[in-house]
Amino acid sequence: MKFIFQIIITFLMLASVSVTSAQTLSADESWESVKKQAAAEHKLIFVDLYFTGCAPCAEMDKEIFPDPKVASFLSANFITFKSDIMKEEIGKKLSMKYGVTGFPTFLFLNSDGKVIDIASGFKSVDQFTGLLQNAKEAAAKGIFKKYSPQINEKDYPEFYVQAYMANKRNVPIEVIDTYLKSKSISEEVSFVIITGLKAGKQYDDAFLFSSKKLALDYGRSSVVNHIFTILQRKKKEFEKTNDLVAFKKLLEDAKEFYTPEEWARYSDVLLKDFGGTKISNP
């Protein structure tokens, strides 16, 4: 397991300070030690979930984390924890807990393990410092997401645990549907199963209808990522009837969840070659 490190400014570069090692502590003990350190130092927790070979992850390491403004803010306000989700058990557990699908994924928590926010993908210096500042302000106001603070594998069905812990992600749709049909999409476990496994097609309309509330409860990042998955599925349905007008109406309704930069990128992907015909995006 990667060493837990506290970011400090040294020659304007990111430095890692070893707090504990995998040889002496289990994954659960190491994670608990992070929370204890954050409590002792009256700081929040920043988690960077990545994997070796992830280009935007490497770019964050090279360009963003060493930036003096970023490094200074992290050092002053956060205990930083970094984990390779392909190699380290705690990284897999955290990915399972929050239904992580894109990398890098950033978790912002308090010392009790309560989630302040979740974000994913490469961020510029200004975007990332904005996330850090917003997390600090939300925590000060006591504003947290709905996730439970503890990681307990027994809270999840076995197929979901295996999907993340053993990388067995080809779960039969029937298995997922059987579990979900007696649950509400607003429940934490159901939410991460749907978003983490990109499952629950029959709940797509309900998810879209509840998106604002789900974003408040579980974070905007997970919700907008799944909305994109839903829109990709909807595209195939509208292509069968060649109904571009109705599909564009659906896209217009979904637009509010995205930043202008995100929407320019996602809408281009969704409108490209609709029904085999190249469509321009006005």
Protein backbone atom coordinates (compact mmCIF):
# COMPACT_ATOMS: atom_id res chain seq x y z
CA MET A 1 0.00 0.00 0.00
CA LYS A 2 1.19 3.50 -0.87
CA PHE A 3 2.42 5.61 1.99
CA ILE A 4 0.06 8.15 3.43
CA PHE A 5 1.58 11.56 2.91
CA GLN A 6 1.11 15.09 4.09
CA ILE A 7 1.70 17.56 1.26
CA ILE A 8 4.18 20.33 2.08
CA ILE A 9 6.02 22.88 0.02
CA THR A 10 9.63 21.96 -0.54
CA PHE A 11 11.35 23.55 -3.51
CA LEU A 12 7.82 24.16 -4.77
CA MET A 13 7.36 20.41 -5.31
CA LEU A 14 5.07 17.82 -3.78
CA ALA A 15 6.72 15.93 -0.95
CA SER A 16 5.47 12.76 0.71
CA VAL A 17 5.79 12.17 4.43
CA SER A 18 5.42 8.54 5.45
CA VAL A 19 2.91 8.03 8.25
CA THR A 20 2.45 4.26 8.18
CA SER A 21 3.27 1.28 5.99
CA ALA A 22 1.48 -1.82 4.74
CA GLN A 23 4.02 -4.04 6.48
CA THR A 24 2.78 -3.02 9.92
CA LEU A 25 -0.86 -2.13 9.42
CA SER A 26 -3.75 -3.70 7.55
CA ALA A 27 -5.77 -1.62 5.07
CA ASP A 28 -8.51 -0.96 7.61
CA GLU A 29 -6.00 0.00 10.32
CA SER A 30 -4.19 2.33 7.93
CA TRP A 31 -7.43 4.06 6.97
CA GLU A 32 -8.39 4.45 10.60
CA SER A 33 -4.96 5.97 11.31
CA VAL A 34 -5.61 8.59 8.64
CA LYS A 35 -8.87 9.59 10.32
CA LYS A 36 -7.15 9.71 13.72
CA GLN A 37 -4.39 11.94 12.36
CA ALA A 38 -6.94 14.26 10.76
CA ALA A 39 -8.83 14.50 14.05
CA ALA A 40 -5.63 15.15 16.01
CA GLU A 41 -4.52 17.90 13.63
CA HIS A 42 -8.05 19.32 13.15
CA LYS A 43 -7.86 18.80 9.41
CA LEU A 44 -10.00 17.30 6.67
CA ILE A 45 -9.05 14.28 4.54
CA PHE A 46 -8.27 14.33 0.82
CA VAL A 47 -8.16 10.96 -0.97
CA ASP A 48 -6.66 10.52 -4.43
CA LEU A 49 -7.81 7.26 -6.05
CA TYR A 50 -5.74 6.42 -9.14
CA PHE A 51 -4.11 3.58 -11.02
CA THR A 52 -0.75 3.18 -12.73
CA GLY A 53 -1.10 3.99 -16.41
CA CYS A 54 -3.94 6.48 -15.93
CA ALA A 55 -2.89 9.51 -18.02
CA PRO A 56 -4.99 12.18 -16.23
CA CYS A 57 -3.86 10.73 -12.88
CA ALA A 58 -0.22 11.14 -13.90
CA GLU A 59 -0.93 14.65 -15.16
CA MET A 60 -2.41 15.62 -11.79
CA ASP A 61 0.75 14.29 -10.09
CA LYS A 62 3.02 16.19 -12.47
CA GLU A 63 1.21 19.48 -13.03
CA ILE A 64 -1.37 20.14 -10.32
CA PHE A 65 -0.38 18.68 -6.95
CA PRO A 66 3.12 20.29 -7.04
CA ASP A 67 1.65 23.73 -7.74
CA PRO A 68 2.52 26.03 -4.80
CA LYS A 69 -1.08 27.23 -4.36
CA VAL A 70 -2.44 23.67 -4.35
CA ALA A 71 0.33 22.24 -2.16
CA SER A 72 0.01 25.06 0.36
CA PHE A 73 -3.77 24.72 0.70
CA LEU A 74 -3.60 20.94 1.05
CA SER A 75 -0.84 21.12 3.65
CA ALA A 76 -2.74 23.64 5.75
CA ASN A 77 -6.15 21.98 5.64
CA PHE A 78 -5.98 18.29 4.69
CA ILE A 79 -4.38 14.99 5.54
CA THR A 80 -3.73 13.43 2.13
CA PHE A 81 -4.19 9.76 1.30
CA LYS A 82 -3.29 8.23 -2.06
CA SER A 83 -4.17 4.70 -3.21
CA ASP A 84 -3.77 2.62 -6.37
CA ILE A 85 -7.19 1.05 -6.89
CA MET A 86 -5.78 -1.81 -8.97
CA LYS A 87 -3.15 -2.92 -6.45
CA GLU A 88 -4.24 -1.86 -2.98
CA GLU A 89 -7.08 -3.26 -0.93
CA ILE A 90 -8.07 0.03 0.66
CA GLY A 91 -8.27 1.66 -2.76
CA LYS A 92 -10.62 -1.09 -3.90
CA LYS A 93 -12.72 -0.72 -0.75
CA LEU A 94 -13.05 3.02 -1.15
CA SER A 95 -13.95 2.59 -4.83
CA MET A 96 -16.59 0.04 -3.83
CA LYS A 97 -17.94 2.26 -1.07
CA TYR A 98 -18.54 5.19 -3.42
CA GLY A 99 -19.23 3.36 -6.70
CA VAL A 100 -16.18 4.89 -8.35
CA THR A 101 -15.94 4.48 -12.14
CA GLY A 102 -13.64 7.25 -13.41
CA PHE A 103 -10.08 8.15 -12.52
CA PRO A 104 -8.60 9.97 -10.88
CA THR A 105 -11.38 10.22 -8.32
CA PHE A 106 -11.03 12.62 -5.41
CA LEU A 107 -12.78 12.16 -2.07
CA PHE A 108 -13.13 14.99 0.43
CA LEU A 109 -14.06 13.83 3.93
CA ASN A 110 -13.89 14.94 7.53
CA SER A 111 -12.04 13.05 10.26
CA ASP A 112 -15.17 11.00 11.06
CA GLY A 113 -15.30 9.70 7.48
CA LYS A 114 -18.30 11.82 6.49
CA VAL A 115 -18.22 12.74 2.80
CA ILE A 116 -18.08 16.41 1.94
CA ASP A 117 -17.77 15.97 -1.83
CA ILE A 118 -16.58 13.64 -4.58
CA ALA A 119 -15.02 14.69 -7.89
CA SER A 120 -13.36 12.90 -10.78
CA GLY A 121 -11.18 13.61 -13.79
CA PHE A 122 -8.30 15.99 -14.44
CA LYS A 123 -8.74 19.42 -12.86
CA SER A 124 -6.82 22.61 -13.52
CA VAL A 125 -5.14 24.43 -10.64
CA ASP A 126 -8.05 26.84 -10.34
CA GLN A 127 -10.65 24.07 -10.59
CA PHE A 128 -8.89 21.94 -8.00
CA THR A 129 -8.29 24.75 -5.51
CA GLY A 130 -11.95 25.65 -5.95
CA LEU A 131 -12.92 22.11 -4.96
CA LEU A 132 -10.64 22.29 -1.92
CA GLN A 133 -12.02 25.65 -0.83
CA ASN A 134 -15.63 24.54 -1.32
CA ALA A 135 -14.97 21.37 0.69
CA LYS A 136 -13.46 23.39 3.53
CA GLU A 137 -16.41 25.78 3.60
CA ALA A 138 -19.02 23.00 3.42
CA ALA A 139 -17.36 21.10 6.27
CA ALA A 140 -17.28 24.26 8.39
CA LYS A 141 -21.05 24.59 7.84
CA GLY A 142 -21.63 20.91 8.64
CA ILE A 143 -22.83 20.12 5.13
CA PHE A 144 -22.14 16.47 4.24
CA LYS A 145 -23.37 13.90 1.76
CA LYS A 146 -25.66 11.04 2.69
CA TYR A 147 -23.03 8.27 2.63
CA SER A 148 -22.55 6.37 5.87
CA PRO A 149 -19.08 7.06 7.35
CA GLN A 150 -17.98 3.42 7.72
CA ILE A 151 -16.87 0.87 5.11
CA ASN A 152 -18.55 -2.47 5.74
CA GLU A 153 -18.53 -5.13 3.01
CA LYS A 154 -21.51 -6.82 4.68
CA ASP A 155 -23.67 -3.85 3.68
CA TYR A 156 -23.43 -4.84 0.00
CA PRO A 157 -24.62 -7.86 -2.01
CA GLU A 158 -21.85 -10.32 -2.84
CA PHE A 159 -21.94 -9.62 -6.59
CA TYR A 160 -21.16 -5.95 -5.93
CA VAL A 161 -18.33 -6.71 -3.50
CA GLN A 162 -16.77 -9.09 -6.04
CA ALA A 163 -17.12 -6.52 -8.81
CA TYR A 164 -14.77 -4.17 -6.98
CA MET A 165 -12.67 -6.39 -4.74
CA ALA A 166 -12.05 -9.17 -7.30
CA ASN A 167 -12.65 -7.15 -10.50
CA LYS A 168 -15.52 -9.46 -11.49
CA ARG A 169 -17.59 -6.77 -13.15
CA ASN A 170 -19.48 -8.90 -15.67
CA VAL A 171 -22.45 -9.34 -13.38
CA PRO A 172 -25.55 -10.78 -15.11
CA ILE A 173 -28.25 -8.16 -15.50
CA GLU A 174 -30.79 -10.55 -13.96
CA VAL A 175 -28.75 -10.75 -10.75
CA ILE A 176 -28.57 -6.97 -10.41
CA ASP A 177 -32.24 -6.50 -11.27
CA THR A 178 -33.34 -9.10 -8.74
CA TYR A 179 -31.55 -7.16 -6.01
CA LEU A 180 -32.66 -3.71 -7.10
CA LYS A 181 -36.35 -4.44 -7.67
CA SER A 182 -37.06 -4.46 -3.93
CA LYS A 183 -34.95 -1.37 -3.24
CA SER A 184 -35.20 2.38 -3.69
CA ILE A 185 -32.69 4.19 -5.90
CA SER A 186 -32.38 6.79 -3.15
CA GLU A 187 -30.78 4.24 -0.81
CA GLU A 188 -26.99 4.44 -0.64
CA VAL A 189 -26.27 0.83 -1.62
CA SER A 190 -28.74 0.90 -4.52
CA PHE A 191 -27.30 4.20 -5.70
CA VAL A 192 -23.70 2.96 -5.83
CA ILE A 193 -24.73 -0.30 -7.50
CA ILE A 194 -26.56 1.61 -10.23
CA THR A 195 -23.84 4.19 -10.77
CA GLY A 196 -20.85 1.95 -10.06
CA LEU A 197 -21.96 -0.88 -12.35
CA LYS A 198 -23.79 1.38 -14.82
CA ALA A 199 -26.80 -0.84 -14.19
CA GLY A 200 -30.54 -0.52 -13.64
CA LYS A 201 -31.74 0.46 -17.12
CA GLN A 202 -35.32 0.12 -15.92
CA TYR A 203 -34.59 2.90 -13.40
CA ASP A 204 -33.18 5.36 -15.94
CA ASP A 205 -36.28 7.57 -16.03
CA ALA A 206 -36.61 7.54 -12.24
CA PHE A 207 -32.92 8.39 -11.91
CA LEU A 208 -33.25 11.35 -14.28
CA PHE A 209 -36.35 12.55 -12.42
CA SER A 210 -34.53 12.31 -9.06
CA SER A 211 -31.17 13.62 -10.27
CA LYS A 212 -31.21 16.92 -8.37
CA LYS A 213 -31.98 15.21 -5.06
CA LEU A 214 -29.46 12.42 -5.74
CA ALA A 215 -26.77 15.02 -6.50
CA LEU A 216 -27.43 16.71 -3.18
CA ASP A 217 -27.37 13.38 -1.34
CA TYR A 218 -24.42 11.68 -3.03
CA GLY A 219 -22.52 14.31 -4.99
CA ARG A 220 -22.77 15.84 -8.42
CA SER A 221 -19.88 13.86 -9.93
CA SER A 222 -21.46 10.41 -9.59
CA VAL A 223 -24.82 11.68 -10.79
CA VAL A 224 -23.63 13.48 -13.93
CA ASN A 225 -21.44 10.52 -14.87
CA HIS A 226 -24.44 8.22 -14.69
CA ILE A 227 -26.68 10.68 -16.53
CA PHE A 228 -24.21 10.43 -19.41
CA THR A 229 -24.53 6.63 -19.30
CA ILE A 230 -28.33 6.97 -19.39
CA LEU A 231 -28.19 9.39 -22.32
CA GLN A 232 -26.02 6.96 -24.25
CA ARG A 233 -28.65 4.26 -23.69
CA LYS A 234 -31.45 6.65 -24.63
CA LYS A 235 -29.64 7.56 -27.82
CA LYS A 236 -29.90 3.96 -29.02
CA GLU A 237 -33.62 3.94 -28.29
CA PHE A 238 -34.27 7.17 -30.19
CA GLU A 239 -32.11 5.98 -33.07
CA LYS A 240 -34.47 3.03 -33.57
CA THR A 241 -37.28 5.47 -34.41
CA ASN A 242 -34.94 8.06 -35.93
CA ASP A 243 -36.39 10.66 -33.57
CA LEU A 244 -33.60 13.23 -33.34
CA VAL A 245 -36.00 15.98 -32.24
CA ALA A 246 -37.08 14.06 -29.13
CA PHE A 247 -33.50 13.10 -28.33
CA LYS A 248 -32.36 16.73 -28.54
CA LYS A 249 -35.22 17.66 -26.19
CA LEU A 250 -33.94 15.08 -23.69
CA LEU A 251 -30.43 16.49 -24.01
CA GLU A 252 -31.71 20.00 -23.39
CA ASP A 253 -33.38 18.82 -20.19
CA ALA A 254 -30.12 17.19 -19.01
CA LYS A 255 -27.95 20.19 -19.89
CA GLU A 256 -28.52 21.91 -16.55
CA PHE A 257 -26.49 19.29 -14.68
CA TYR A 258 -23.27 20.05 -16.57
CA THR A 259 -20.85 22.95 -16.77
CA PRO A 260 -20.63 24.64 -20.20
CA GLU A 261 -17.24 22.99 -20.79
CA GLU A 262 -18.57 19.56 -19.87
CA TRP A 263 -21.67 19.97 -21.96
CA ALA A 264 -19.74 21.02 -25.05
CA ARG A 265 -17.77 17.79 -24.79
CA TYR A 266 -20.57 15.41 -23.86
CA SER A 267 -23.19 16.75 -26.27
CA ASP A 268 -20.76 16.43 -29.16
CA VAL A 269 -20.26 12.76 -28.26
CA LEU A 270 -23.98 12.12 -27.88
CA LEU A 271 -25.01 13.83 -31.11
CA LYS A 272 -22.19 12.43 -33.23
CA ASP A 273 -23.44 10.13 -35.99
CA PHE A 274 -26.99 9.91 -34.69
CA GLY A 275 -28.62 7.05 -36.57
CA GLY A 276 -25.53 6.79 -38.76
CA THR A 277 -25.86 10.41 -39.88
CA LYS A 278 -23.32 13.04 -38.87
CA ILE A 279 -25.13 15.71 -36.84
CA SER A 280 -23.79 19.20 -36.18
CA ASN A 281 -24.11 20.58 -32.67
CA PRO A 282 -25.30 24.21 -32.84
